[in-house]
């Protein structure tokens, strides 16, 4: 078998996005996945690409902003190469405001967004409406931003795999991960984007915990709302997709017995979504999902060289923002691995979680 300039271990959103970007930069790339594409949280159903609040600005928020602004071109290129629609659409997000104090804070944030979002997007306070989709707002006001977008996670992964193949890359389902621990095992650079298992492996090798798993549960409801904005209310994401489904989620569970089982926590989320969104009150549930998300100790993505392994790199810790961060993460990792340019933002380095 021919060797690759870059071997990406893991077929989730980080691994596939990095492989695609390295291919576009001229590298020979193969992706090795142990189980199936999107076996972890990248095989979920929500797909909310939502920005941080435009205040208390830092490198993480700036990086996420840049990545969200890259997303349309990034996913358009993948759709064009693969012939598969990844379900991307930048339709914004609505958030009801609870009281006058929340309205005042939202107006301050709107002023901050004017500068911090560099005129590329808006965060506005608007009157609530009674349109059958929008939740009731106790204050009569809502936040509306036009930066939030949605993506269909499974279609996005399918499109990435097809685009990688079309570009001449390889995607292999290995059953078990090959031994890449030796300096010449891959014949090139190795990028470990192996999610929860990767955090456990890195923790074991370094003798300290660098992150772990957080369980999430979510559901799909049958509802035709393709052109509607997503909703964020009372900690719940409501995300319409163009296959006549609406995703609701998700829980964040640090303690759990079964990683892939659903329970009463999800039923409570479904009830909350139906209470918030009039269009969902009689919408049947078509799927219930549970899975594990990789959370680095720093809470930011974990990027950079694998300590003590020459030629090996880590791209992990997407947690809740992996799909939104993927275009930027892929660009930074390609810069590092292919060109030796270290543009990793402050707080995103492997050592930040040590």
C-alpha atoms as a PDB file:
ATOM      1  CA  UNK A   1       0.000   0.000   0.000  1.00  0.00           C
ATOM      2  CA  UNK A   2       1.312   3.451  -0.832  1.00  0.00           C
ATOM      3  CA  UNK A   3       2.194   5.679   2.067  1.00  0.00           C
ATOM      4  CA  UNK A   4       0.601   9.074   2.615  1.00  0.00           C
ATOM      5  CA  UNK A   5       2.043  12.490   3.365  1.00  0.00           C
ATOM      6  CA  UNK A   6      -0.650  12.751   6.031  1.00  0.00           C
ATOM      7  CA  UNK A   7      -2.516   9.977   7.816  1.00  0.00           C
ATOM      8  CA  UNK A   8      -5.561  11.179   9.725  1.00  0.00           C
ATOM      9  CA  UNK A   9      -6.734   8.861  12.459  1.00  0.00           C
ATOM     10  CA  UNK A  10     -10.451   9.274  13.014  1.00  0.00           C
ATOM     11  CA  UNK A  11     -13.459   9.789  10.752  1.00  0.00           C
ATOM     12  CA  UNK A  12     -15.282  12.490  12.694  1.00  0.00           C
ATOM     13  CA  UNK A  13     -15.715  16.120  11.725  1.00  0.00           C
ATOM     14  CA  UNK A  14     -12.209  17.229  12.753  1.00  0.00           C
ATOM     15  CA  UNK A  15     -10.472  14.345  10.999  1.00  0.00           C
ATOM     16  CA  UNK A  16     -12.483  14.615   7.776  1.00  0.00           C
ATOM     17  CA  UNK A  17     -12.238  18.410   7.588  1.00  0.00           C
ATOM     18  CA  UNK A  18      -8.473  18.301   8.124  1.00  0.00           C
ATOM     19  CA  UNK A  19      -8.071  15.564   5.502  1.00  0.00           C
ATOM     20  CA  UNK A  20     -10.079  17.586   2.960  1.00  0.00           C
ATOM     21  CA  UNK A  21      -8.070  20.737   3.603  1.00  0.00           C
ATOM     22  CA  UNK A  22      -4.729  18.922   3.369  1.00  0.00           C
ATOM     23  CA  UNK A  23      -5.829  17.371   0.079  1.00  0.00           C
ATOM     24  CA  UNK A  24      -6.740  20.772  -1.309  1.00  0.00           C
ATOM     25  CA  UNK A  25      -3.275  21.953  -0.309  1.00  0.00           C
ATOM     26  CA  UNK A  26      -1.668  19.189  -2.404  1.00  0.00           C
ATOM     27  CA  UNK A  27      -0.920  16.510   0.182  1.00  0.00           C
ATOM     28  CA  UNK A  28      -1.462  12.786  -0.265  1.00  0.00           C
ATOM     29  CA  UNK A  29      -3.953  11.875   2.459  1.00  0.00           C
ATOM     30  CA  UNK A  30      -5.592   8.845   3.937  1.00  0.00           C
ATOM     31  CA  UNK A  31      -8.155   8.708   6.732  1.00  0.00           C
ATOM     32  CA  UNK A  32      -8.269   5.668   9.002  1.00  0.00           C
ATOM     33  CA  UNK A  33     -11.430   5.124  11.049  1.00  0.00           C
ATOM     34  CA  UNK A  34     -11.832   2.305  13.546  1.00  0.00           C
ATOM     35  CA  UNK A  35     -15.594   1.781  13.440  1.00  0.00           C
ATOM     36  CA  UNK A  36     -17.655   3.942  11.062  1.00  0.00           C
ATOM     37  CA  UNK A  37     -17.740   7.500   9.815  1.00  0.00           C
ATOM     38  CA  UNK A  38     -19.240   9.728  12.486  1.00  0.00           C
ATOM     39  CA  UNK A  39     -19.163   6.968  15.081  1.00  0.00           C
ATOM     40  CA  UNK A  40     -18.968   9.514  17.910  1.00  0.00           C
ATOM     41  CA  UNK A  41     -20.663  12.846  18.347  1.00  0.00           C
ATOM     42  CA  UNK A  42     -20.058  13.709  14.663  1.00  0.00           C
ATOM     43  CA  UNK A  43     -22.815  11.223  13.852  1.00  0.00           C
ATOM     44  CA  UNK A  44     -25.325  13.214  15.864  1.00  0.00           C
ATOM     45  CA  UNK A  45     -28.384  15.088  14.668  1.00  0.00           C
ATOM     46  CA  UNK A  46     -28.446  18.668  15.958  1.00  0.00           C
ATOM     47  CA  UNK A  47     -26.019  20.644  13.762  1.00  0.00           C
ATOM     48  CA  UNK A  48     -26.260  24.080  15.389  1.00  0.00           C
ATOM     49  CA  UNK A  49     -23.416  26.387  14.297  1.00  0.00           C
ATOM     50  CA  UNK A  50     -23.891  29.215  16.753  1.00  0.00           C
ATOM     51  CA  UNK A  51     -21.545  32.005  17.860  1.00  0.00           C
ATOM     52  CA  UNK A  52     -20.383  32.940  21.317  1.00  0.00           C
ATOM     53  CA  UNK A  53     -21.937  36.009  22.897  1.00  0.00           C
ATOM     54  CA  UNK A  54     -20.269  39.176  21.529  1.00  0.00           C
ATOM     55  CA  UNK A  55     -18.703  40.367  24.788  1.00  0.00           C
ATOM     56  CA  UNK A  56     -15.637  39.603  26.956  1.00  0.00           C
ATOM     57  CA  UNK A  57     -13.805  38.906  23.726  1.00  0.00           C
ATOM     58  CA  UNK A  58     -10.885  36.474  23.597  1.00  0.00           C
ATOM     59  CA  UNK A  59      -8.893  34.351  21.158  1.00  0.00           C
ATOM     60  CA  UNK A  60     -11.390  31.482  21.291  1.00  0.00           C
ATOM     61  CA  UNK A  61     -14.323  33.703  20.353  1.00  0.00           C
ATOM     62  CA  UNK A  62     -12.326  35.408  17.585  1.00  0.00           C
ATOM     63  CA  UNK A  63     -11.297  32.052  16.138  1.00  0.00           C
ATOM     64  CA  UNK A  64     -14.868  30.777  16.226  1.00  0.00           C
ATOM     65  CA  UNK A  65     -16.090  33.934  14.488  1.00  0.00           C
ATOM     66  CA  UNK A  66     -13.543  33.491  11.706  1.00  0.00           C
ATOM     67  CA  UNK A  67     -14.480  29.826  11.339  1.00  0.00           C
ATOM     68  CA  UNK A  68     -18.206  30.588  11.128  1.00  0.00           C
ATOM     69  CA  UNK A  69     -17.489  33.205   8.474  1.00  0.00           C
ATOM     70  CA  UNK A  70     -15.447  30.635   6.512  1.00  0.00           C
ATOM     71  CA  UNK A  71     -18.218  28.046   6.634  1.00  0.00           C
ATOM     72  CA  UNK A  72     -20.243  28.971   3.543  1.00  0.00           C
ATOM     73  CA  UNK A  73     -17.267  28.752   1.170  1.00  0.00           C
ATOM     74  CA  UNK A  74     -15.926  25.669   2.957  1.00  0.00           C
ATOM     75  CA  UNK A  75     -19.165  23.686   2.635  1.00  0.00           C
ATOM     76  CA  UNK A  76     -19.940  24.982  -0.855  1.00  0.00           C
ATOM     77  CA  UNK A  77     -16.609  23.575  -2.057  1.00  0.00           C
ATOM     78  CA  UNK A  78     -17.357  20.208  -0.469  1.00  0.00           C
ATOM     79  CA  UNK A  79     -20.836  20.120  -1.988  1.00  0.00           C
ATOM     80  CA  UNK A  80     -19.393  20.959  -5.388  1.00  0.00           C
ATOM     81  CA  UNK A  81     -16.712  18.267  -5.208  1.00  0.00           C
ATOM     82  CA  UNK A  82     -18.960  15.555  -3.776  1.00  0.00           C
ATOM     83  CA  UNK A  83     -22.339  16.301  -5.362  1.00  0.00           C
ATOM     84  CA  UNK A  84     -23.885  15.897  -1.895  1.00  0.00           C
ATOM     85  CA  UNK A  85     -25.666  18.702  -0.039  1.00  0.00           C
ATOM     86  CA  UNK A  86     -24.263  18.907   3.518  1.00  0.00           C
ATOM     87  CA  UNK A  87     -27.320  20.832   4.683  1.00  0.00           C
ATOM     88  CA  UNK A  88     -25.524  24.100   5.396  1.00  0.00           C
ATOM     89  CA  UNK A  89     -27.620  27.269   5.614  1.00  0.00           C
ATOM     90  CA  UNK A  90     -26.951  30.529   7.439  1.00  0.00           C
ATOM     91  CA  UNK A  91     -30.479  31.411   8.539  1.00  0.00           C
ATOM     92  CA  UNK A  92     -29.746  32.956  11.922  1.00  0.00           C
ATOM     93  CA  UNK A  93     -31.063  32.311  15.395  1.00  0.00           C
ATOM     94  CA  UNK A  94     -33.749  33.666  17.728  1.00  0.00           C
ATOM     95  CA  UNK A  95     -33.490  33.894  21.522  1.00  0.00           C
ATOM     96  CA  UNK A  96     -36.389  35.104  23.690  1.00  0.00           C
ATOM     97  CA  UNK A  97     -35.488  37.590  26.447  1.00  0.00           C
ATOM     98  CA  UNK A  98     -36.894  36.981  29.896  1.00  0.00           C
ATOM     99  CA  UNK A  99     -37.147  40.482  31.377  1.00  0.00           C
ATOM    100  CA  UNK A 100     -36.059  44.114  31.149  1.00  0.00           C
ATOM    101  CA  UNK A 101     -32.609  43.322  32.538  1.00  0.00           C
ATOM    102  CA  UNK A 102     -32.062  40.695  29.828  1.00  0.00           C
ATOM    103  CA  UNK A 103     -33.177  43.196  27.178  1.00  0.00           C
ATOM    104  CA  UNK A 104     -30.691  45.775  28.477  1.00  0.00           C
ATOM    105  CA  UNK A 105     -27.838  43.231  28.399  1.00  0.00           C
ATOM    106  CA  UNK A 106     -28.829  42.181  24.888  1.00  0.00           C
ATOM    107  CA  UNK A 107     -28.732  45.790  23.688  1.00  0.00           C
ATOM    108  CA  UNK A 108     -25.224  46.176  25.144  1.00  0.00           C
ATOM    109  CA  UNK A 109     -24.172  43.036  23.319  1.00  0.00           C
ATOM    110  CA  UNK A 110     -25.669  44.357  20.096  1.00  0.00           C
ATOM    111  CA  UNK A 111     -23.413  47.390  20.379  1.00  0.00           C
ATOM    112  CA  UNK A 112     -20.459  45.085  21.072  1.00  0.00           C
ATOM    113  CA  UNK A 113     -21.232  42.931  18.042  1.00  0.00           C
ATOM    114  CA  UNK A 114     -20.983  45.971  15.781  1.00  0.00           C
ATOM    115  CA  UNK A 115     -17.268  46.143  16.572  1.00  0.00           C
ATOM    116  CA  UNK A 116     -16.370  42.582  17.543  1.00  0.00           C
ATOM    117  CA  UNK A 117     -18.078  40.946  14.562  1.00  0.00           C
ATOM    118  CA  UNK A 118     -16.358  43.461  12.262  1.00  0.00           C
ATOM    119  CA  UNK A 119     -19.492  44.333  10.327  1.00  0.00           C
ATOM    120  CA  UNK A 120     -19.761  40.738   9.029  1.00  0.00           C
ATOM    121  CA  UNK A 121     -22.885  39.877  11.018  1.00  0.00           C
ATOM    122  CA  UNK A 122     -25.472  41.448  13.307  1.00  0.00           C
ATOM    123  CA  UNK A 123     -26.840  40.789  16.779  1.00  0.00           C
ATOM    124  CA  UNK A 124     -30.104  42.718  17.118  1.00  0.00           C
ATOM    125  CA  UNK A 125     -32.871  43.144  19.649  1.00  0.00           C
ATOM    126  CA  UNK A 126     -36.207  42.825  17.848  1.00  0.00           C
ATOM    127  CA  UNK A 127     -39.867  42.617  18.867  1.00  0.00           C
ATOM    128  CA  UNK A 128     -41.188  39.117  19.433  1.00  0.00           C
ATOM    129  CA  UNK A 129     -43.629  37.847  16.843  1.00  0.00           C
ATOM    130  CA  UNK A 130     -46.502  35.395  16.865  1.00  0.00           C
ATOM    131  CA  UNK A 131     -45.779  33.452  13.680  1.00  0.00           C
ATOM    132  CA  UNK A 132     -46.316  29.850  14.776  1.00  0.00           C
ATOM    133  CA  UNK A 133     -42.571  29.198  15.013  1.00  0.00           C
ATOM    134  CA  UNK A 134     -41.144  31.813  17.343  1.00  0.00           C
ATOM    135  CA  UNK A 135     -41.348  31.091  21.088  1.00  0.00           C
ATOM    136  CA  UNK A 136     -43.250  33.409  23.363  1.00  0.00           C
ATOM    137  CA  UNK A 137     -41.037  36.032  24.997  1.00  0.00           C
ATOM    138  CA  UNK A 138     -41.914  37.254  28.519  1.00  0.00           C
ATOM    139  CA  UNK A 139     -40.338  40.648  27.786  1.00  0.00           C
ATOM    140  CA  UNK A 140     -41.842  40.981  24.319  1.00  0.00           C
ATOM    141  CA  UNK A 141     -38.319  41.150  22.838  1.00  0.00           C
ATOM    142  CA  UNK A 142     -35.907  38.706  21.279  1.00  0.00           C
ATOM    143  CA  UNK A 143     -32.300  38.537  20.162  1.00  0.00           C
ATOM    144  CA  UNK A 144     -31.940  37.877  16.440  1.00  0.00           C
ATOM    145  CA  UNK A 145     -28.490  37.183  15.018  1.00  0.00           C
ATOM    146  CA  UNK A 146     -27.684  36.458  11.390  1.00  0.00           C
ATOM    147  CA  UNK A 147     -24.379  34.669  12.034  1.00  0.00           C
ATOM    148  CA  UNK A 148     -25.796  31.373  13.320  1.00  0.00           C
ATOM    149  CA  UNK A 149     -26.085  28.606  10.761  1.00  0.00           C
ATOM    150  CA  UNK A 150     -27.135  24.997  10.599  1.00  0.00           C
ATOM    151  CA  UNK A 151     -25.587  21.867   9.129  1.00  0.00           C
ATOM    152  CA  UNK A 152     -26.896  18.330   8.733  1.00  0.00           C
ATOM    153  CA  UNK A 153     -24.160  16.387  10.603  1.00  0.00           C
ATOM    154  CA  UNK A 154     -24.557  13.034   8.857  1.00  0.00           C
ATOM    155  CA  UNK A 155     -24.922  14.500   5.382  1.00  0.00           C
ATOM    156  CA  UNK A 156     -21.922  16.719   6.064  1.00  0.00           C
ATOM    157  CA  UNK A 157     -19.814  13.683   6.952  1.00  0.00           C
ATOM    158  CA  UNK A 158     -21.082  11.819   3.881  1.00  0.00           C
ATOM    159  CA  UNK A 159     -20.248  14.794   1.673  1.00  0.00           C
ATOM    160  CA  UNK A 160     -16.744  15.071   3.150  1.00  0.00           C
ATOM    161  CA  UNK A 161     -15.994  11.407   2.536  1.00  0.00           C
ATOM    162  CA  UNK A 162     -17.206  11.671  -1.064  1.00  0.00           C
ATOM    163  CA  UNK A 163     -15.212  14.865  -1.617  1.00  0.00           C
ATOM    164  CA  UNK A 164     -12.051  13.259  -0.203  1.00  0.00           C
ATOM    165  CA  UNK A 165     -12.455  10.289  -2.541  1.00  0.00           C
ATOM    166  CA  UNK A 166     -13.147  12.560  -5.512  1.00  0.00           C
ATOM    167  CA  UNK A 167     -10.001  14.554  -4.716  1.00  0.00           C
ATOM    168  CA  UNK A 168      -7.858  11.408  -4.666  1.00  0.00           C
ATOM    169  CA  UNK A 169      -7.727  10.753  -0.931  1.00  0.00           C
ATOM    170  CA  UNK A 170      -8.455   7.456   0.806  1.00  0.00           C
ATOM    171  CA  UNK A 171     -10.878   6.684   3.621  1.00  0.00           C
ATOM    172  CA  UNK A 172     -10.428   3.298   5.281  1.00  0.00           C
ATOM    173  CA  UNK A 173     -12.580   1.555   7.893  1.00  0.00           C
ATOM    174  CA  UNK A 174      -9.964  -0.475   9.704  1.00  0.00           C
ATOM    175  CA  UNK A 175     -11.864  -2.372  12.402  1.00  0.00           C
ATOM    176  CA  UNK A 176      -8.968  -1.617  14.727  1.00  0.00           C
ATOM    177  CA  UNK A 177      -6.479   1.202  14.599  1.00  0.00           C
ATOM    178  CA  UNK A 178      -3.076   0.254  13.152  1.00  0.00           C
ATOM    179  CA  UNK A 179      -0.014   0.771  15.342  1.00  0.00           C
ATOM    180  CA  UNK A 180       1.256   4.242  14.505  1.00  0.00           C
ATOM    181  CA  UNK A 181       3.451   4.708  17.550  1.00  0.00           C
ATOM    182  CA  UNK A 182       6.761   4.249  15.738  1.00  0.00           C
ATOM    183  CA  UNK A 183       8.410   7.271  14.099  1.00  0.00           C
ATOM    184  CA  UNK A 184       8.192   5.791  10.579  1.00  0.00           C
ATOM    185  CA  UNK A 185       4.993   3.741  10.904  1.00  0.00           C
ATOM    186  CA  UNK A 186       2.887   5.984   8.679  1.00  0.00           C
ATOM    187  CA  UNK A 187       5.555   7.152   6.258  1.00  0.00           C
ATOM    188  CA  UNK A 188       4.515  10.750   6.978  1.00  0.00           C
ATOM    189  CA  UNK A 189       2.725  12.882   9.538  1.00  0.00           C
ATOM    190  CA  UNK A 190      -0.062  11.437  11.693  1.00  0.00           C
ATOM    191  CA  UNK A 191      -2.968  13.513  12.986  1.00  0.00           C
ATOM    192  CA  UNK A 192      -4.967  11.999  15.825  1.00  0.00           C
ATOM    193  CA  UNK A 193      -8.574  13.172  15.649  1.00  0.00           C
ATOM    194  CA  UNK A 194     -10.023  10.266  17.583  1.00  0.00           C
ATOM    195  CA  UNK A 195     -12.463  12.008  19.912  1.00  0.00           C
ATOM    196  CA  UNK A 196     -13.288  10.535  23.305  1.00  0.00           C
ATOM    197  CA  UNK A 197     -11.042   7.502  22.823  1.00  0.00           C
ATOM    198  CA  UNK A 198      -8.198   9.790  21.775  1.00  0.00           C
ATOM    199  CA  UNK A 199      -8.519  11.877  24.930  1.00  0.00           C
ATOM    200  CA  UNK A 200      -8.340   8.671  26.991  1.00  0.00           C
ATOM    201  CA  UNK A 201      -5.288   7.445  25.058  1.00  0.00           C
ATOM    202  CA  UNK A 202      -3.475  10.762  25.445  1.00  0.00           C
ATOM    203  CA  UNK A 203      -4.352  10.919  29.146  1.00  0.00           C
ATOM    204  CA  UNK A 204      -2.991   7.406  29.685  1.00  0.00           C
ATOM    205  CA  UNK A 205       0.247   8.121  27.826  1.00  0.00           C
ATOM    206  CA  UNK A 206       0.892  11.393  29.638  1.00  0.00           C
ATOM    207  CA  UNK A 207      -0.172  10.103  33.040  1.00  0.00           C
ATOM    208  CA  UNK A 208      -2.689  12.887  33.638  1.00  0.00           C
ATOM    209  CA  UNK A 209      -6.249  13.612  32.582  1.00  0.00           C
ATOM    210  CA  UNK A 210      -6.414  15.987  29.597  1.00  0.00           C
ATOM    211  CA  UNK A 211     -10.138  15.628  28.986  1.00  0.00           C
ATOM    212  CA  UNK A 212     -13.027  13.235  28.915  1.00  0.00           C
ATOM    213  CA  UNK A 213     -16.491  12.388  27.659  1.00  0.00           C
ATOM    214  CA  UNK A 214     -19.702  14.334  28.105  1.00  0.00           C
ATOM    215  CA  UNK A 215     -22.866  12.535  27.086  1.00  0.00           C
ATOM    216  CA  UNK A 216     -25.508  14.276  25.011  1.00  0.00           C
ATOM    217  CA  UNK A 217     -29.041  13.267  24.085  1.00  0.00           C
ATOM    218  CA  UNK A 218     -31.084  14.757  21.246  1.00  0.00           C
ATOM    219  CA  UNK A 219     -34.152  14.040  19.128  1.00  0.00           C
ATOM    220  CA  UNK A 220     -35.505  14.586  15.628  1.00  0.00           C
ATOM    221  CA  UNK A 221     -39.121  15.598  15.133  1.00  0.00           C
ATOM    222  CA  UNK A 222     -41.007  15.496  11.853  1.00  0.00           C
ATOM    223  CA  UNK A 223     -41.751  19.096  10.895  1.00  0.00           C
ATOM    224  CA  UNK A 224     -41.319  21.034   7.633  1.00  0.00           C
ATOM    225  CA  UNK A 225     -39.509  24.217   8.692  1.00  0.00           C
ATOM    226  CA  UNK A 226     -36.583  24.342   6.265  1.00  0.00           C
ATOM    227  CA  UNK A 227     -36.376  28.132   5.955  1.00  0.00           C
ATOM    228  CA  UNK A 228     -36.910  28.967   9.614  1.00  0.00           C
ATOM    229  CA  UNK A 229     -34.153  30.288  11.890  1.00  0.00           C
ATOM    230  CA  UNK A 230     -32.942  28.093  14.698  1.00  0.00           C
ATOM    231  CA  UNK A 231     -34.058  28.823  18.249  1.00  0.00           C
ATOM    232  CA  UNK A 232     -32.064  28.906  21.470  1.00  0.00           C
ATOM    233  CA  UNK A 233     -34.254  29.151  24.541  1.00  0.00           C
ATOM    234  CA  UNK A 234     -33.899  27.980  28.128  1.00  0.00           C
ATOM    235  CA  UNK A 235     -30.677  26.131  27.245  1.00  0.00           C
ATOM    236  CA  UNK A 236     -32.312  24.229  24.378  1.00  0.00           C
ATOM    237  CA  UNK A 237     -31.329  24.255  20.698  1.00  0.00           C
ATOM    238  CA  UNK A 238     -34.131  23.855  18.137  1.00  0.00           C
ATOM    239  CA  UNK A 239     -32.623  23.440  14.662  1.00  0.00           C
ATOM    240  CA  UNK A 240     -34.707  22.960  11.482  1.00  0.00           C
ATOM    241  CA  UNK A 241     -33.219  20.926   8.627  1.00  0.00           C
ATOM    242  CA  UNK A 242     -34.232  20.658   4.997  1.00  0.00           C
ATOM    243  CA  UNK A 243     -35.296  17.020   5.177  1.00  0.00           C
ATOM    244  CA  UNK A 244     -38.515  18.021   6.971  1.00  0.00           C
ATOM    245  CA  UNK A 245     -37.036  17.360  10.395  1.00  0.00           C
ATOM    246  CA  UNK A 246     -36.300  19.587  13.352  1.00  0.00           C
ATOM    247  CA  UNK A 247     -33.557  18.636  15.799  1.00  0.00           C
ATOM    248  CA  UNK A 248     -33.817  19.413  19.501  1.00  0.00           C
ATOM    249  CA  UNK A 249     -31.026  19.007  21.985  1.00  0.00           C
ATOM    250  CA  UNK A 250     -29.041  18.453  23.865  1.00  0.00           C
ATOM    251  CA  UNK A 251     -28.240  17.327  27.354  1.00  0.00           C
ATOM    252  CA  UNK A 252     -24.760  17.619  28.903  1.00  0.00           C
ATOM    253  CA  UNK A 253     -24.113  14.718  31.248  1.00  0.00           C
ATOM    254  CA  UNK A 254     -20.760  14.294  32.982  1.00  0.00           C
ATOM    255  CA  UNK A 255     -21.979  11.204  34.863  1.00  0.00           C
ATOM    256  CA  UNK A 256     -23.762   8.414  32.998  1.00  0.00           C
ATOM    257  CA  UNK A 257     -24.079   4.631  32.946  1.00  0.00           C
ATOM    258  CA  UNK A 258     -24.631   3.982  29.238  1.00  0.00           C
ATOM    259  CA  UNK A 259     -23.096   6.193  26.528  1.00  0.00           C
ATOM    260  CA  UNK A 260     -25.706   5.521  23.860  1.00  0.00           C
ATOM    261  CA  UNK A 261     -28.991   5.041  25.706  1.00  0.00           C
ATOM    262  CA  UNK A 262     -31.782   7.611  25.931  1.00  0.00           C
ATOM    263  CA  UNK A 263     -33.856   8.244  29.026  1.00  0.00           C
ATOM    264  CA  UNK A 264     -36.170  10.657  30.767  1.00  0.00           C
ATOM    265  CA  UNK A 265     -33.763  13.565  30.330  1.00  0.00           C
ATOM    266  CA  UNK A 266     -34.418  13.464  26.599  1.00  0.00           C
ATOM    267  CA  UNK A 267     -38.164  13.175  27.047  1.00  0.00           C
ATOM    268  CA  UNK A 268     -38.007  16.338  29.168  1.00  0.00           C
ATOM    269  CA  UNK A 269     -36.162  18.126  26.348  1.00  0.00           C
ATOM    270  CA  UNK A 270     -38.787  17.051  23.822  1.00  0.00           C
ATOM    271  CA  UNK A 271     -41.561  18.308  26.103  1.00  0.00           C
ATOM    272  CA  UNK A 272     -39.722  21.614  26.542  1.00  0.00           C
ATOM    273  CA  UNK A 273     -39.257  22.020  22.781  1.00  0.00           C
ATOM    274  CA  UNK A 274     -42.955  21.419  22.163  1.00  0.00           C
ATOM    275  CA  UNK A 275     -43.871  23.954  24.822  1.00  0.00           C
ATOM    276  CA  UNK A 276     -41.510  26.569  23.378  1.00  0.00           C
ATOM    277  CA  UNK A 277     -42.192  26.155  19.659  1.00  0.00           C
ATOM    278  CA  UNK A 278     -45.845  26.064  18.535  1.00  0.00           C
ATOM    279  CA  UNK A 279     -45.004  24.225  15.291  1.00  0.00           C
ATOM    280  CA  UNK A 280     -43.646  21.258  17.260  1.00  0.00           C
ATOM    281  CA  UNK A 281     -46.590  20.667  19.587  1.00  0.00           C
ATOM    282  CA  UNK A 282     -47.987  17.776  17.578  1.00  0.00           C
ATOM    283  CA  UNK A 283     -44.818  16.852  15.674  1.00  0.00           C
ATOM    284  CA  UNK A 284     -43.960  13.149  16.061  1.00  0.00           C
ATOM    285  CA  UNK A 285     -40.496  12.065  17.141  1.00  0.00           C
ATOM    286  CA  UNK A 286     -38.686  10.211  14.346  1.00  0.00           C
ATOM    287  CA  UNK A 287     -35.380   9.509  16.109  1.00  0.00           C
ATOM    288  CA  UNK A 288     -33.853   9.632  19.560  1.00  0.00           C
ATOM    289  CA  UNK A 289     -30.053   9.818  19.767  1.00  0.00           C
ATOM    290  CA  UNK A 290     -27.413   9.640  22.472  1.00  0.00           C
ATOM    291  CA  UNK A 291     -23.623   9.779  22.210  1.00  0.00           C
ATOM    292  CA  UNK A 292     -20.410  11.048  23.737  1.00  0.00           C
ATOM    293  CA  UNK A 293     -18.719  14.350  22.977  1.00  0.00           C
ATOM    294  CA  UNK A 294     -14.982  14.898  23.574  1.00  0.00           C
ATOM    295  CA  UNK A 295     -14.355  17.730  26.042  1.00  0.00           C
ATOM    296  CA  UNK A 296     -10.767  18.831  26.626  1.00  0.00           C
ATOM    297  CA  UNK A 297      -9.790  19.951  30.114  1.00  0.00           C
ATOM    298  CA  UNK A 298      -9.376  23.509  28.839  1.00  0.00           C
ATOM    299  CA  UNK A 299     -12.897  23.411  27.276  1.00  0.00           C
ATOM    300  CA  UNK A 300     -11.332  24.705  24.035  1.00  0.00           C
ATOM    301  CA  UNK A 301     -10.272  22.481  21.124  1.00  0.00           C
ATOM    302  CA  UNK A 302      -6.927  20.758  21.739  1.00  0.00           C
ATOM    303  CA  UNK A 303      -4.461  21.216  18.879  1.00  0.00           C
ATOM    304  CA  UNK A 304      -0.768  20.708  18.278  1.00  0.00           C
ATOM    305  CA  UNK A 305       2.055  18.182  18.449  1.00  0.00           C
ATOM    306  CA  UNK A 306       1.520  15.001  20.460  1.00  0.00           C
ATOM    307  CA  UNK A 307       4.006  15.368  23.331  1.00  0.00           C
ATOM    308  CA  UNK A 308       6.918  12.970  22.900  1.00  0.00           C
ATOM    309  CA  UNK A 309       5.850  11.639  19.480  1.00  0.00           C
ATOM    310  CA  UNK A 310       7.748  13.226  16.626  1.00  0.00           C
ATOM    311  CA  UNK A 311       5.584  13.702  13.536  1.00  0.00           C
ATOM    312  CA  UNK A 312       2.351  13.082  15.449  1.00  0.00           C
ATOM    313  CA  UNK A 313      -0.295  15.729  16.086  1.00  0.00           C
ATOM    314  CA  UNK A 314      -3.543  16.069  18.038  1.00  0.00           C
ATOM    315  CA  UNK A 315      -6.831  17.615  16.890  1.00  0.00           C
ATOM    316  CA  UNK A 316      -9.467  16.914  19.527  1.00  0.00           C
ATOM    317  CA  UNK A 317     -11.908  18.427  21.988  1.00  0.00           C
ATOM    318  CA  UNK A 318     -14.612  19.690  19.654  1.00  0.00           C
ATOM    319  CA  UNK A 319     -17.223  19.193  22.402  1.00  0.00           C
ATOM    320  CA  UNK A 320     -20.317  21.232  21.437  1.00  0.00           C
ATOM    321  CA  UNK A 321     -18.704  23.471  18.810  1.00  0.00           C
ATOM    322  CA  UNK A 322     -16.817  21.014  16.610  1.00  0.00           C
ATOM    323  CA  UNK A 323     -18.847  21.518  13.424  1.00  0.00           C
ATOM    324  CA  UNK A 324     -18.733  25.291  13.767  1.00  0.00           C
ATOM    325  CA  UNK A 325     -14.983  25.284  14.405  1.00  0.00           C
ATOM    326  CA  UNK A 326     -14.107  22.684  11.734  1.00  0.00           C
ATOM    327  CA  UNK A 327     -13.154  25.027   8.851  1.00  0.00           C
ATOM    328  CA  UNK A 328     -10.776  27.019  11.055  1.00  0.00           C
ATOM    329  CA  UNK A 329      -9.357  23.950  12.810  1.00  0.00           C
ATOM    330  CA  UNK A 330      -8.672  22.308   9.456  1.00  0.00           C
ATOM    331  CA  UNK A 331      -6.815  25.370   8.167  1.00  0.00           C
ATOM    332  CA  UNK A 332      -4.678  25.692  11.306  1.00  0.00           C
ATOM    333  CA  UNK A 333      -3.763  21.995  11.331  1.00  0.00           C
ATOM    334  CA  UNK A 334      -2.882  22.027   7.618  1.00  0.00           C
ATOM    335  CA  UNK A 335      -0.651  25.058   8.211  1.00  0.00           C
ATOM    336  CA  UNK A 336       1.099  23.287  11.084  1.00  0.00           C
ATOM    337  CA  UNK A 337       1.516  19.834   9.554  1.00  0.00           C
ATOM    338  CA  UNK A 338       2.233  20.755   5.932  1.00  0.00           C
ATOM    339  CA  UNK A 339       4.098  24.047   6.301  1.00  0.00           C
ATOM    340  CA  UNK A 340       5.355  24.101   9.884  1.00  0.00           C
ATOM    341  CA  UNK A 341       3.444  27.335  10.562  1.00  0.00           C
ATOM    342  CA  UNK A 342       2.074  27.439  14.100  1.00  0.00           C
ATOM    343  CA  UNK A 343      -1.062  29.614  14.084  1.00  0.00           C
ATOM    344  CA  UNK A 344      -2.811  27.812  16.946  1.00  0.00           C
ATOM    345  CA  UNK A 345      -4.786  30.344  19.022  1.00  0.00           C
ATOM    346  CA  UNK A 346      -4.036  30.994  22.673  1.00  0.00           C
ATOM    347  CA  UNK A 347      -5.774  28.436  24.863  1.00  0.00           C
ATOM    348  CA  UNK A 348      -6.067  25.811  22.119  1.00  0.00           C
ATOM    349  CA  UNK A 349      -2.733  24.045  22.610  1.00  0.00           C
ATOM    350  CA  UNK A 350      -2.346  20.524  23.954  1.00  0.00           C
ATOM    351  CA  UNK A 351      -0.343  21.873  26.871  1.00  0.00           C
ATOM    352  CA  UNK A 352      -3.276  24.090  27.888  1.00  0.00           C
ATOM    353  CA  UNK A 353      -5.081  20.927  29.019  1.00  0.00           C
ATOM    354  CA  UNK A 354      -2.113  19.419  30.877  1.00  0.00           C
END
